Amino acid sequence: HTREGHLNAGRKHVEQMEDGTEVKLGGWLDNTRRRVTKLTPER
């Protein structure tokens, strides 16, 4: 979000973290949107 200004990453997007690890962000965002009703209010 800091780099792009939005959270509209493609489903296959992999975010390269500063420590070198890779996070499958696109799939996580898609799954989070699908399960929004199950999220805690804090999350």
PDB file of all heavy atoms in Angstrom:
ATOM      1  N   HIS A   1       0.828  -1.206   0.000  1.00  0.00           N
ATOM      2  CA  HIS A   1       0.000   0.000   0.000  1.00  0.00           C
ATOM      3  C   HIS A   1       0.863   1.257   0.000  1.00  0.00           C
ATOM      4  O   HIS A   1       0.547   2.233  -0.695  1.00  0.00           O
ATOM      5  CB  HIS A   1      -0.944   0.001   1.206  1.00  0.00           C
ATOM      6  CG  HIS A   1      -1.875   1.161   1.221  1.00  0.00           C
ATOM      7  ND1 HIS A   1      -1.580   2.322   1.882  1.00  0.00           N
ATOM      8  CD2 HIS A   1      -3.087   1.349   0.627  1.00  0.00           C
ATOM      9  CE1 HIS A   1      -2.574   3.176   1.712  1.00  0.00           C
ATOM     10  NE2 HIS A   1      -3.505   2.610   0.953  1.00  0.00           N
ATOM     11  N   THR A   2       1.949   1.243   0.754  1.00  0.00           N
ATOM     12  CA  THR A   2       2.854   2.397   0.786  1.00  0.00           C
ATOM     13  C   THR A   2       3.454   2.650  -0.585  1.00  0.00           C
ATOM     14  O   THR A   2       3.555   3.792  -1.037  1.00  0.00           O
ATOM     15  CB  THR A   2       3.973   2.165   1.822  1.00  0.00           C
ATOM     16  OG1 THR A   2       3.374   1.974   3.101  1.00  0.00           O
ATOM     17  CG2 THR A   2       4.935   3.335   1.874  1.00  0.00           C
ATOM     18  N   ARG A   3       3.830   1.581  -1.275  1.00  0.00           N
ATOM     19  CA  ARG A   3       4.460   1.709  -2.582  1.00  0.00           C
ATOM     20  C   ARG A   3       3.455   2.036  -3.680  1.00  0.00           C
ATOM     21  O   ARG A   3       3.697   2.896  -4.522  1.00  0.00           O
ATOM     22  CB  ARG A   3       5.203   0.408  -2.921  1.00  0.00           C
ATOM     23  CG  ARG A   3       6.007   0.486  -4.195  1.00  0.00           C
ATOM     24  CD  ARG A   3       6.745  -0.811  -4.513  1.00  0.00           C
ATOM     25  NE  ARG A   3       5.824  -1.889  -4.842  1.00  0.00           N
ATOM     26  CZ  ARG A   3       5.622  -2.967  -4.082  1.00  0.00           C
ATOM     27  NH1 ARG A   3       6.266  -3.127  -2.954  1.00  0.00           N
ATOM     28  NH2 ARG A   3       4.756  -3.895  -4.458  1.00  0.00           N
ATOM     29  N   GLU A   4       2.293   1.360  -3.687  1.00  0.00           N
ATOM     30  CA  GLU A   4       1.342   1.470  -4.796  1.00  0.00           C
ATOM     31  C   GLU A   4       0.178   2.424  -4.522  1.00  0.00           C
ATOM     32  O   GLU A   4      -0.458   2.893  -5.446  1.00  0.00           O
ATOM     33  CB  GLU A   4       0.773   0.087  -5.138  1.00  0.00           C
ATOM     34  CG  GLU A   4       1.818  -0.928  -5.554  1.00  0.00           C
ATOM     35  CD  GLU A   4       2.447  -0.634  -6.886  1.00  0.00           C
ATOM     36  OE1 GLU A   4       1.782  -0.025  -7.745  1.00  0.00           O
ATOM     37  OE2 GLU A   4       3.608  -1.010  -7.087  1.00  0.00           O
ATOM     38  N   GLY A   5      -0.149   2.655  -3.252  1.00  0.00           N
ATOM     39  CA  GLY A   5      -1.256   3.530  -2.907  1.00  0.00           C
ATOM     40  C   GLY A   5      -2.621   2.854  -2.910  1.00  0.00           C
ATOM     41  O   GLY A   5      -3.643   3.510  -2.779  1.00  0.00           O
ATOM     42  N   HIS A   6      -2.666   1.534  -3.068  1.00  0.00           N
ATOM     43  CA  HIS A   6      -3.917   0.769  -3.060  1.00  0.00           C
ATOM     44  C   HIS A   6      -3.620  -0.668  -2.672  1.00  0.00           C
ATOM     45  O   HIS A   6      -2.466  -1.050  -2.503  1.00  0.00           O
ATOM     46  CB  HIS A   6      -4.595   0.806  -4.438  1.00  0.00           C
ATOM     47  CG  HIS A   6      -3.731   0.255  -5.532  1.00  0.00           C
ATOM     48  ND1 HIS A   6      -3.595  -1.087  -5.776  1.00  0.00           N
ATOM     49  CD2 HIS A   6      -2.932   0.884  -6.437  1.00  0.00           C
ATOM     50  CE1 HIS A   6      -2.767  -1.276  -6.795  1.00  0.00           C
ATOM     51  NE2 HIS A   6      -2.347  -0.087  -7.215  1.00  0.00           N
ATOM     52  N   LEU A   7      -4.667  -1.473  -2.516  1.00  0.00           N
ATOM     53  CA  LEU A   7      -4.499  -2.900  -2.216  1.00  0.00           C
ATOM     54  C   LEU A   7      -5.142  -3.766  -3.293  1.00  0.00           C
ATOM     55  O   LEU A   7      -5.699  -4.812  -3.013  1.00  0.00           O
ATOM     56  CB  LEU A   7      -5.115  -3.242  -0.853  1.00  0.00           C
ATOM     57  CG  LEU A   7      -4.331  -2.810   0.377  1.00  0.00           C
ATOM     58  CD1 LEU A   7      -5.049  -3.243   1.645  1.00  0.00           C
ATOM     59  CD2 LEU A   7      -2.926  -3.373   0.358  1.00  0.00           C
ATOM     60  N   ASN A   8      -5.059  -3.341  -4.530  1.00  0.00           N
ATOM     61  CA  ASN A   8      -5.647  -4.085  -5.644  1.00  0.00           C
ATOM     62  C   ASN A   8      -4.584  -4.935  -6.333  1.00  0.00           C
ATOM     63  O   ASN A   8      -4.360  -4.828  -7.535  1.00  0.00           O
ATOM     64  CB  ASN A   8      -6.306  -3.135  -6.639  1.00  0.00           C
ATOM     65  CG  ASN A   8      -7.433  -2.366  -5.998  1.00  0.00           C
ATOM     66  OD1 ASN A   8      -8.082  -2.863  -5.086  1.00  0.00           O
ATOM     67  ND2 ASN A   8      -7.655  -1.155  -6.466  1.00  0.00           N
ATOM     68  N   ALA A   9      -3.947  -5.800  -5.570  1.00  0.00           N
ATOM     69  CA  ALA A   9      -2.925  -6.684  -6.131  1.00  0.00           C
ATOM     70  C   ALA A   9      -3.599  -7.847  -6.838  1.00  0.00           C
ATOM     71  O   ALA A   9      -4.669  -8.304  -6.429  1.00  0.00           O
ATOM     72  CB  ALA A   9      -2.029  -7.208  -5.018  1.00  0.00           C
ATOM     73  N   GLY A  10      -2.986  -8.319  -7.899  1.00  0.00           N
ATOM     74  CA  GLY A  10      -3.516  -9.477  -8.607  1.00  0.00           C
ATOM     75  C   GLY A  10      -3.436 -10.727  -7.746  1.00  0.00           C
ATOM     76  O   GLY A  10      -2.647 -10.814  -6.814  1.00  0.00           O
ATOM     77  N   ARG A  11      -4.268 -11.694  -8.035  1.00  0.00           N
ATOM     78  CA  ARG A  11      -4.343 -12.933  -7.243  1.00  0.00           C
ATOM     79  C   ARG A  11      -2.989 -13.623  -7.126  1.00  0.00           C
ATOM     80  O   ARG A  11      -2.672 -14.212  -6.111  1.00  0.00           O
ATOM     81  CB  ARG A  11      -5.368 -13.871  -7.882  1.00  0.00           C
ATOM     82  CG  ARG A  11      -5.452 -15.227  -7.251  1.00  0.00           C
ATOM     83  CD  ARG A  11      -6.630 -15.332  -6.341  1.00  0.00           C
ATOM     84  NE  ARG A  11      -6.740 -16.691  -5.810  1.00  0.00           N
ATOM     85  CZ  ARG A  11      -6.887 -16.938  -4.531  1.00  0.00           C
ATOM     86  NH1 ARG A  11      -6.943 -15.965  -3.665  1.00  0.00           N
ATOM     87  NH2 ARG A  11      -6.999 -18.172  -4.105  1.00  0.00           N
ATOM     88  N   LYS A  12      -2.183 -13.564  -8.145  1.00  0.00           N
ATOM     89  CA  LYS A  12      -0.885 -14.250  -8.148  1.00  0.00           C
ATOM     90  C   LYS A  12       0.265 -13.374  -7.638  1.00  0.00           C
ATOM     91  O   LYS A  12       1.415 -13.801  -7.657  1.00  0.00           O
ATOM     92  CB  LYS A  12      -0.549 -14.720  -9.561  1.00  0.00           C
ATOM     93  CG  LYS A  12      -1.555 -15.651 -10.166  1.00  0.00           C
ATOM     94  CD  LYS A  12      -1.163 -17.051  -9.920  1.00  0.00           C
ATOM     95  CE  LYS A  12      -2.164 -17.975 -10.622  1.00  0.00           C
ATOM     96  NZ  LYS A  12      -1.883 -19.341 -10.368  1.00  0.00           N
ATOM     97  N   HIS A  13      -0.034 -12.158  -7.180  1.00  0.00           N
ATOM     98  CA  HIS A  13       1.028 -11.247  -6.762  1.00  0.00           C
ATOM     99  C   HIS A  13       1.780 -11.777  -5.551  1.00  0.00           C
ATOM    100  O   HIS A  13       1.188 -12.211  -4.568  1.00  0.00           O
ATOM    101  CB  HIS A  13       0.464  -9.863  -6.422  1.00  0.00           C
ATOM    102  CG  HIS A  13       1.512  -8.913  -5.927  1.00  0.00           C
ATOM    103  ND1 HIS A  13       2.440  -8.345  -6.764  1.00  0.00           N
ATOM    104  CD2 HIS A  13       1.803  -8.474  -4.681  1.00  0.00           C
ATOM    105  CE1 HIS A  13       3.249  -7.580  -6.053  1.00  0.00           C
ATOM    106  NE2 HIS A  13       2.877  -7.637  -4.785  1.00  0.00           N
ATOM    107  N   VAL A  14       3.115 -11.743  -5.625  1.00  0.00           N
ATOM    108  CA  VAL A  14       3.988 -12.128  -4.523  1.00  0.00           C
ATOM    109  C   VAL A  14       4.776 -10.890  -4.119  1.00  0.00           C
ATOM    110  O   VAL A  14       5.461 -10.291  -4.951  1.00  0.00           O
ATOM    111  CB  VAL A  14       4.948 -13.272  -4.935  1.00  0.00           C
ATOM    112  CG1 VAL A  14       5.916 -13.601  -3.813  1.00  0.00           C
ATOM    113  CG2 VAL A  14       4.148 -14.503  -5.339  1.00  0.00           C
ATOM    114  N   GLU A  15       4.658 -10.506  -2.860  1.00  0.00           N
ATOM    115  CA  GLU A  15       5.342  -9.313  -2.350  1.00  0.00           C
ATOM    116  C   GLU A  15       6.714  -9.698  -1.819  1.00  0.00           C
ATOM    117  O   GLU A  15       6.839 -10.593  -0.986  1.00  0.00           O
ATOM    118  CB  GLU A  15       4.499  -8.665  -1.247  1.00  0.00           C
ATOM    119  CG  GLU A  15       5.030  -7.359  -0.745  1.00  0.00           C
ATOM    120  CD  GLU A  15       4.920  -6.215  -1.742  1.00  0.00           C
ATOM    121  OE1 GLU A  15       4.209  -6.336  -2.755  1.00  0.00           O
ATOM    122  OE2 GLU A  15       5.555  -5.191  -1.504  1.00  0.00           O
ATOM    123  N   GLN A  16       7.738  -9.028  -2.322  1.00  0.00           N
ATOM    124  CA  GLN A  16       9.112  -9.241  -1.865  1.00  0.00           C
ATOM    125  C   GLN A  16       9.337  -8.347  -0.653  1.00  0.00           C
ATOM    126  O   GLN A  16       9.321  -7.127  -0.758  1.00  0.00           O
ATOM    127  CB  GLN A  16      10.098  -8.886  -2.984  1.00  0.00           C
ATOM    128  CG  GLN A  16      11.527  -9.199  -2.675  1.00  0.00           C
ATOM    129  CD  GLN A  16      11.812 -10.691  -2.744  1.00  0.00           C
ATOM    130  OE1 GLN A  16      11.176 -11.420  -3.489  1.00  0.00           O
ATOM    131  NE2 GLN A  16      12.765 -11.142  -1.967  1.00  0.00           N
ATOM    132  N   MET A  17       9.545  -8.945   0.514  1.00  0.00           N
ATOM    133  CA  MET A  17       9.717  -8.178   1.748  1.00  0.00           C
ATOM    134  C   MET A  17      11.155  -7.662   1.843  1.00  0.00           C
ATOM    135  O   MET A  17      12.045  -8.136   1.146  1.00  0.00           O
ATOM    136  CB  MET A  17       9.386  -9.042   2.968  1.00  0.00           C
ATOM    137  CG  MET A  17       7.956  -9.563   2.968  1.00  0.00           C
ATOM    138  SD  MET A  17       6.724  -8.279   2.940  1.00  0.00           S
ATOM    139  CE  MET A  17       6.948  -7.583   4.548  1.00  0.00           C
ATOM    140  N   GLU A  18      11.352  -6.693   2.732  1.00  0.00           N
ATOM    141  CA  GLU A  18      12.677  -6.083   2.890  1.00  0.00           C
ATOM    142  C   GLU A  18      13.709  -7.082   3.386  1.00  0.00           C
ATOM    143  O   GLU A  18      14.892  -6.953   3.090  1.00  0.00           O
ATOM    144  CB  GLU A  18      12.579  -4.896   3.842  1.00  0.00           C
ATOM    145  CG  GLU A  18      11.761  -3.753   3.275  1.00  0.00           C
ATOM    146  CD  GLU A  18      11.526  -2.648   4.279  1.00  0.00           C
ATOM    147  OE1 GLU A  18      11.987  -2.762   5.437  1.00  0.00           O
ATOM    148  OE2 GLU A  18      10.872  -1.661   3.907  1.00  0.00           O
ATOM    149  N   ASP A  19      13.279  -8.092   4.151  1.00  0.00           N
ATOM    150  CA  ASP A  19      14.225  -9.091   4.658  1.00  0.00           C
ATOM    151  C   ASP A  19      14.489 -10.216   3.656  1.00  0.00           C
ATOM    152  O   ASP A  19      15.212 -11.162   3.954  1.00  0.00           O
ATOM    153  CB  ASP A  19      13.741  -9.663   5.991  1.00  0.00           C
ATOM    154  CG  ASP A  19      12.428 -10.416   5.864  1.00  0.00           C
ATOM    155  OD1 ASP A  19      11.871 -10.489   4.749  1.00  0.00           O
ATOM    156  OD2 ASP A  19      11.952 -10.943   6.895  1.00  0.00           O
ATOM    157  N   GLY A  20      13.895 -10.116   2.462  1.00  0.00           N
ATOM    158  CA  GLY A  20      14.144 -11.094   1.416  1.00  0.00           C
ATOM    159  C   GLY A  20      13.095 -12.190   1.309  1.00  0.00           C
ATOM    160  O   GLY A  20      13.115 -12.960   0.357  1.00  0.00           O
ATOM    161  N   THR A  21      12.202 -12.288   2.269  1.00  0.00           N
ATOM    162  CA  THR A  21      11.169 -13.317   2.189  1.00  0.00           C
ATOM    163  C   THR A  21      10.088 -12.903   1.192  1.00  0.00           C
ATOM    164  O   THR A  21       9.924 -11.723   0.901  1.00  0.00           O
ATOM    165  CB  THR A  21      10.506 -13.567   3.562  1.00  0.00           C
ATOM    166  OG1 THR A  21       9.936 -12.351   4.026  1.00  0.00           O
ATOM    167  CG2 THR A  21      11.511 -14.086   4.567  1.00  0.00           C
ATOM    168  N   GLU A  22       9.385 -13.886   0.679  1.00  0.00           N
ATOM    169  CA  GLU A  22       8.307 -13.635  -0.265  1.00  0.00           C
ATOM    170  C   GLU A  22       6.976 -13.986   0.391  1.00  0.00           C
ATOM    171  O   GLU A  22       6.849 -15.015   1.046  1.00  0.00           O
ATOM    172  CB  GLU A  22       8.499 -14.473  -1.527  1.00  0.00           C
ATOM    173  CG  GLU A  22       9.711 -14.055  -2.330  1.00  0.00           C
ATOM    174  CD  GLU A  22       9.860 -14.848  -3.611  1.00  0.00           C
ATOM    175  OE1 GLU A  22       9.222 -15.923  -3.737  1.00  0.00           O
ATOM    176  OE2 GLU A  22      10.603 -14.399  -4.481  1.00  0.00           O
ATOM    177  N   VAL A  23       5.999 -13.115   0.215  1.00  0.00           N
ATOM    178  CA  VAL A  23       4.666 -13.310   0.787  1.00  0.00           C
ATOM    179  C   VAL A  23       3.661 -13.321  -0.348  1.00  0.00           C
ATOM    180  O   VAL A  23       3.634 -12.403  -1.171  1.00  0.00           O
ATOM    181  CB  VAL A  23       4.333 -12.179   1.793  1.00  0.00           C
ATOM    182  CG1 VAL A  23       2.919 -12.329   2.326  1.00  0.00           C
ATOM    183  CG2 VAL A  23       5.339 -12.152   2.924  1.00  0.00           C
ATOM    184  N   LYS A  24       2.817 -14.348  -0.396  1.00  0.00           N
ATOM    185  CA  LYS A  24       1.791 -14.455  -1.435  1.00  0.00           C
ATOM    186  C   LYS A  24       0.633 -13.532  -1.064  1.00  0.00           C
ATOM    187  O   LYS A  24      -0.411 -13.956  -0.565  1.00  0.00           O
ATOM    188  CB  LYS A  24       1.333 -15.897  -1.569  1.00  0.00           C
ATOM    189  CG  LYS A  24       2.442 -16.802  -2.063  1.00  0.00           C
ATOM    190  CD  LYS A  24       1.980 -18.227  -2.164  1.00  0.00           C
ATOM    191  CE  LYS A  24       3.118 -19.105  -2.666  1.00  0.00           C
ATOM    192  NZ  LYS A  24       2.725 -20.516  -2.735  1.00  0.00           N
ATOM    193  N   LEU A  25       0.826 -12.268  -1.338  1.00  0.00           N
ATOM    194  CA  LEU A  25      -0.108 -11.239  -0.903  1.00  0.00           C
ATOM    195  C   LEU A  25      -1.421 -11.259  -1.674  1.00  0.00           C
ATOM    196  O   LEU A  25      -2.490 -11.099  -1.092  1.00  0.00           O
ATOM    197  CB  LEU A  25       0.548  -9.859  -1.017  1.00  0.00           C
ATOM    198  CG  LEU A  25      -0.281  -8.679  -0.545  1.00  0.00           C
ATOM    199  CD1 LEU A  25      -0.581  -8.797   0.934  1.00  0.00           C
ATOM    200  CD2 LEU A  25       0.439  -7.377  -0.840  1.00  0.00           C
ATOM    201  N   GLY A  26      -1.371 -11.449  -2.976  1.00  0.00           N
ATOM    202  CA  GLY A  26      -2.578 -11.400  -3.790  1.00  0.00           C
ATOM    203  C   GLY A  26      -3.618 -12.421  -3.367  1.00  0.00           C
ATOM    204  O   GLY A  26      -4.799 -12.106  -3.207  1.00  0.00           O
ATOM    205  N   GLY A  27      -3.204 -13.640  -3.156  1.00  0.00           N
ATOM    206  CA  GLY A  27      -4.117 -14.690  -2.712  1.00  0.00           C
ATOM    207  C   GLY A  27      -4.672 -14.412  -1.330  1.00  0.00           C
ATOM    208  O   GLY A  27      -5.858 -14.639  -1.060  1.00  0.00           O
ATOM    209  N   TRP A  28      -3.824 -13.892  -0.456  1.00  0.00           N
ATOM    210  CA  TRP A  28      -4.262 -13.572   0.899  1.00  0.00           C
ATOM    211  C   TRP A  28      -5.316 -12.468   0.880  1.00  0.00           C
ATOM    212  O   TRP A  28      -6.331 -12.566   1.573  1.00  0.00           O
ATOM    213  CB  TRP A  28      -3.065 -13.168   1.762  1.00  0.00           C
ATOM    214  CG  TRP A  28      -3.436 -12.823   3.165  1.00  0.00           C
ATOM    215  CD1 TRP A  28      -3.729 -13.700   4.166  1.00  0.00           C
ATOM    216  CD2 TRP A  28      -3.555 -11.515   3.723  1.00  0.00           C
ATOM    217  NE1 TRP A  28      -4.024 -13.012   5.309  1.00  0.00           N
ATOM    218  CE2 TRP A  28      -3.921 -11.668   5.067  1.00  0.00           C
ATOM    219  CE3 TRP A  28      -3.385 -10.236   3.215  1.00  0.00           C
ATOM    220  CZ2 TRP A  28      -4.122 -10.578   5.909  1.00  0.00           C
ATOM    221  CZ3 TRP A  28      -3.575  -9.159   4.058  1.00  0.00           C
ATOM    222  CH2 TRP A  28      -3.944  -9.331   5.385  1.00  0.00           C
ATOM    223  N   LEU A  29      -5.083 -11.428   0.075  1.00  0.00           N
ATOM    224  CA  LEU A  29      -6.065 -10.344  -0.019  1.00  0.00           C
ATOM    225  C   LEU A  29      -7.393 -10.858  -0.582  1.00  0.00           C
ATOM    226  O   LEU A  29      -8.467 -10.513  -0.082  1.00  0.00           O
ATOM    227  CB  LEU A  29      -5.534  -9.209  -0.899  1.00  0.00           C
ATOM    228  CG  LEU A  29      -4.408  -8.372  -0.300  1.00  0.00           C
ATOM    229  CD1 LEU A  29      -3.817  -7.442  -1.356  1.00  0.00           C
ATOM    230  CD2 LEU A  29      -4.883  -7.591   0.908  1.00  0.00           C
ATOM    231  N   ASP A  30      -7.323 -11.696  -1.595  1.00  0.00           N
ATOM    232  CA  ASP A  30      -8.536 -12.252  -2.197  1.00  0.00           C
ATOM    233  C   ASP A  30      -9.303 -13.103  -1.184  1.00  0.00           C
ATOM    234  O   ASP A  30     -10.515 -12.972  -1.029  1.00  0.00           O
ATOM    235  CB  ASP A  30      -8.173 -13.065  -3.434  1.00  0.00           C
ATOM    236  CG  ASP A  30      -9.383 -13.477  -4.241  1.00  0.00           C
ATOM    237  OD1 ASP A  30     -10.266 -12.631  -4.447  1.00  0.00           O
ATOM    238  OD2 ASP A  30      -9.430 -14.643  -4.664  1.00  0.00           O
ATOM    239  N   ASN A  31      -8.598 -13.963  -0.473  1.00  0.00           N
ATOM    240  CA  ASN A  31      -9.241 -14.815   0.524  1.00  0.00           C
ATOM    241  C   ASN A  31      -9.809 -13.991   1.674  1.00  0.00           C
ATOM    242  O   ASN A  31     -10.875 -14.310   2.206  1.00  0.00           O
ATOM    243  CB  ASN A  31      -8.253 -15.855   1.063  1.00  0.00           C
ATOM    244  CG  ASN A  31      -7.920 -16.896   0.034  1.00  0.00           C
ATOM    245  OD1 ASN A  31      -8.676 -17.132  -0.896  1.00  0.00           O
ATOM    246  ND2 ASN A  31      -6.777 -17.531   0.191  1.00  0.00           N
ATOM    247  N   THR A  32      -9.108 -12.937   2.061  1.00  0.00           N
ATOM    248  CA  THR A  32      -9.586 -12.076   3.141  1.00  0.00           C
ATOM    249  C   THR A  32     -10.877 -11.387   2.723  1.00  0.00           C
ATOM    250  O   THR A  32     -11.808 -11.263   3.522  1.00  0.00           O
ATOM    251  CB  THR A  32      -8.513 -11.038   3.512  1.00  0.00           C
ATOM    252  OG1 THR A  32      -7.323 -11.740   3.893  1.00  0.00           O
ATOM    253  CG2 THR A  32      -8.948 -10.175   4.667  1.00  0.00           C
ATOM    254  N   ARG A  33     -10.954 -10.943   1.480  1.00  0.00           N
ATOM    255  CA  ARG A  33     -12.182 -10.304   0.990  1.00  0.00           C
ATOM    256  C   ARG A  33     -13.352 -11.292   0.995  1.00  0.00           C
ATOM    257  O   ARG A  33     -14.479 -10.936   1.318  1.00  0.00           O
ATOM    258  CB  ARG A  33     -11.979  -9.768  -0.428  1.00  0.00           C
ATOM    259  CG  ARG A  33     -11.149  -8.518  -0.474  1.00  0.00           C
ATOM    260  CD  ARG A  33     -11.056  -7.945  -1.886  1.00  0.00           C
ATOM    261  NE  ARG A  33     -10.187  -6.792  -1.885  1.00  0.00           N
ATOM    262  CZ  ARG A  33      -8.966  -6.779  -2.415  1.00  0.00           C
ATOM    263  NH1 ARG A  33      -8.485  -7.848  -3.026  1.00  0.00           N
ATOM    264  NH2 ARG A  33      -8.230  -5.678  -2.360  1.00  0.00           N
ATOM    265  N   ARG A  34     -13.080 -12.525   0.655  1.00  0.00           N
ATOM    266  CA  ARG A  34     -14.134 -13.539   0.620  1.00  0.00           C
ATOM    267  C   ARG A  34     -14.627 -13.887   2.026  1.00  0.00           C
ATOM    268  O   ARG A  34     -15.768 -14.290   2.193  1.00  0.00           O
ATOM    269  CB  ARG A  34     -13.633 -14.812  -0.051  1.00  0.00           C
ATOM    270  CG  ARG A  34     -13.373 -14.654  -1.527  1.00  0.00           C
ATOM    271  CD  ARG A  34     -12.693 -15.906  -2.059  1.00  0.00           C
ATOM    272  NE  ARG A  34     -12.124 -15.659  -3.355  1.00  0.00           N
ATOM    273  CZ  ARG A  34     -12.592 -16.184  -4.468  1.00  0.00           C
ATOM    274  NH1 ARG A  34     -13.624 -16.980  -4.432  1.00  0.00           N
ATOM    275  NH2 ARG A  34     -12.023 -15.916  -5.618  1.00  0.00           N
ATOM    276  N   ARG A  35     -13.753 -13.770   3.011  1.00  0.00           N
ATOM    277  CA  ARG A  35     -14.093 -14.174   4.381  1.00  0.00           C
ATOM    278  C   ARG A  35     -14.274 -12.984   5.316  1.00  0.00           C
ATOM    279  O   ARG A  35     -14.064 -13.096   6.517  1.00  0.00           O
ATOM    280  CB  ARG A  35     -12.989 -15.083   4.914  1.00  0.00           C
ATOM    281  CG  ARG A  35     -12.853 -16.346   4.105  1.00  0.00           C
ATOM    282  CD  ARG A  35     -11.769 -17.237   4.636  1.00  0.00           C
ATOM    283  NE  ARG A  35     -11.700 -18.451   3.857  1.00  0.00           N
ATOM    284  CZ  ARG A  35     -10.629 -18.852   3.202  1.00  0.00           C
ATOM    285  NH1 ARG A  35      -9.526 -18.149   3.256  1.00  0.00           N
ATOM    286  NH2 ARG A  35     -10.644 -19.964   2.516  1.00  0.00           N
ATOM    287  N   VAL A  36     -14.659 -11.844   4.778  1.00  0.00           N
ATOM    288  CA  VAL A  36     -14.762 -10.615   5.556  1.00  0.00           C
ATOM    289  C   VAL A  36     -15.704 -10.770   6.746  1.00  0.00           C
ATOM    290  O   VAL A  36     -15.465 -10.198   7.805  1.00  0.00           O
ATOM    291  CB  VAL A  36     -15.149  -9.424   4.658  1.00  0.00           C
ATOM    292  CG1 VAL A  36     -16.542  -9.579   4.095  1.00  0.00           C
ATOM    293  CG2 VAL A  36     -15.023  -8.115   5.424  1.00  0.00           C
ATOM    294  N   THR A  37     -16.757 -11.536   6.610  1.00  0.00           N
ATOM    295  CA  THR A  37     -17.714 -11.678   7.705  1.00  0.00           C
ATOM    296  C   THR A  37     -17.134 -12.453   8.883  1.00  0.00           C
ATOM    297  O   THR A  37     -17.640 -12.346   9.993  1.00  0.00           O
ATOM    298  CB  THR A  37     -18.995 -12.391   7.229  1.00  0.00           C
ATOM    299  OG1 THR A  37     -18.647 -13.673   6.705  1.00  0.00           O
ATOM    300  CG2 THR A  37     -19.714 -11.576   6.168  1.00  0.00           C
ATOM    301  N   LYS A  38     -16.078 -13.207   8.656  1.00  0.00           N
ATOM    302  CA  LYS A  38     -15.462 -13.996   9.719  1.00  0.00           C
ATOM    303  C   LYS A  38     -14.308 -13.276  10.406  1.00  0.00           C
ATOM    304  O   LYS A  38     -13.739 -13.790  11.360  1.00  0.00           O
ATOM    305  CB  LYS A  38     -14.976 -15.328   9.156  1.00  0.00           C
ATOM    306  CG  LYS A  38     -16.111 -16.179   8.624  1.00  0.00           C
ATOM    307  CD  LYS A  38     -15.600 -17.470   8.046  1.00  0.00           C
ATOM    308  CE  LYS A  38     -16.765 -18.262   7.474  1.00  0.00           C
ATOM    309  NZ  LYS A  38     -16.345 -19.507   6.863  1.00  0.00           N
ATOM    310  N   LEU A  39     -13.930 -12.094   9.914  1.00  0.00           N
ATOM    311  CA  LEU A  39     -12.833 -11.339  10.515  1.00  0.00           C
ATOM    312  C   LEU A  39     -13.271 -10.681  11.812  1.00  0.00           C
ATOM    313  O   LEU A  39     -14.419 -10.249  11.942  1.00  0.00           O
ATOM    314  CB  LEU A  39     -12.342 -10.249   9.562  1.00  0.00           C
ATOM    315  CG  LEU A  39     -11.559 -10.665   8.337  1.00  0.00           C
ATOM    316  CD1 LEU A  39     -11.215  -9.439   7.497  1.00  0.00           C
ATOM    317  CD2 LEU A  39     -10.306 -11.409   8.712  1.00  0.00           C
ATOM    318  N   THR A  40     -12.319 -10.575  12.746  1.00  0.00           N
ATOM    319  CA  THR A  40     -12.609  -9.834  13.969  1.00  0.00           C
ATOM    320  C   THR A  40     -12.666  -8.344  13.627  1.00  0.00           C
ATOM    321  O   THR A  40     -12.054  -7.907  12.642  1.00  0.00           O
ATOM    322  CB  THR A  40     -11.517 -10.069  15.032  1.00  0.00           C
ATOM    323  OG1 THR A  40     -10.274  -9.564  14.535  1.00  0.00           O
ATOM    324  CG2 THR A  40     -11.390 -11.540  15.382  1.00  0.00           C
ATOM    325  N   PRO A  41     -13.370  -7.557  14.431  1.00  0.00           N
ATOM    326  CA  PRO A  41     -13.425  -6.118  14.162  1.00  0.00           C
ATOM    327  C   PRO A  41     -12.039  -5.467  14.151  1.00  0.00           C
ATOM    328  O   PRO A  41     -11.789  -4.542  13.373  1.00  0.00           O
ATOM    329  CB  PRO A  41     -14.279  -5.574  15.310  1.00  0.00           C
ATOM    330  CG  PRO A  41     -15.095  -6.729  15.764  1.00  0.00           C
ATOM    331  CD  PRO A  41     -14.256  -7.951  15.528  1.00  0.00           C
ATOM    332  N   GLU A  42     -11.121  -5.966  14.979  1.00  0.00           N
ATOM    333  CA  GLU A  42      -9.771  -5.401  15.019  1.00  0.00           C
ATOM    334  C   GLU A  42      -9.038  -5.634  13.699  1.00  0.00           C
ATOM    335  O   GLU A  42      -8.387  -4.738  13.169  1.00  0.00           O
ATOM    336  CB  GLU A  42      -8.957  -6.019  16.175  1.00  0.00           C
ATOM    337  CG  GLU A  42      -9.496  -5.695  17.548  1.00  0.00           C
ATOM    338  CD  GLU A  42     -10.659  -6.597  17.971  1.00  0.00           C
ATOM    339  OE1 GLU A  42     -10.834  -7.702  17.388  1.00  0.00           O
ATOM    340  OE2 GLU A  42     -11.421  -6.174  18.854  1.00  0.00           O
ATOM    341  N   ARG A  43      -9.142  -6.850  13.184  1.00  0.00           N
ATOM    342  CA  ARG A  43      -8.457  -7.162  11.923  1.00  0.00           C
ATOM    343  C   ARG A  43      -9.080  -6.397  10.759  1.00  0.00           C
ATOM    344  O   ARG A  43      -8.378  -5.922   9.875  1.00  0.00           O
ATOM    345  CB  ARG A  43      -8.473  -8.663  11.667  1.00  0.00           C
ATOM    346  CG  ARG A  43      -7.540  -9.403  12.608  1.00  0.00           C
ATOM    347  CD  ARG A  43      -7.419 -10.840  12.276  1.00  0.00           C
ATOM    348  NE  ARG A  43      -6.379 -11.447  13.106  1.00  0.00           N
ATOM    349  CZ  ARG A  43      -6.031 -12.704  13.054  1.00  0.00           C
ATOM    350  NH1 ARG A  43      -6.634 -13.520  12.207  1.00  0.00           N
ATOM    351  NH2 ARG A  43      -5.084 -13.166  13.835  1.00  0.00           N
TER     352      ARG A  43
END
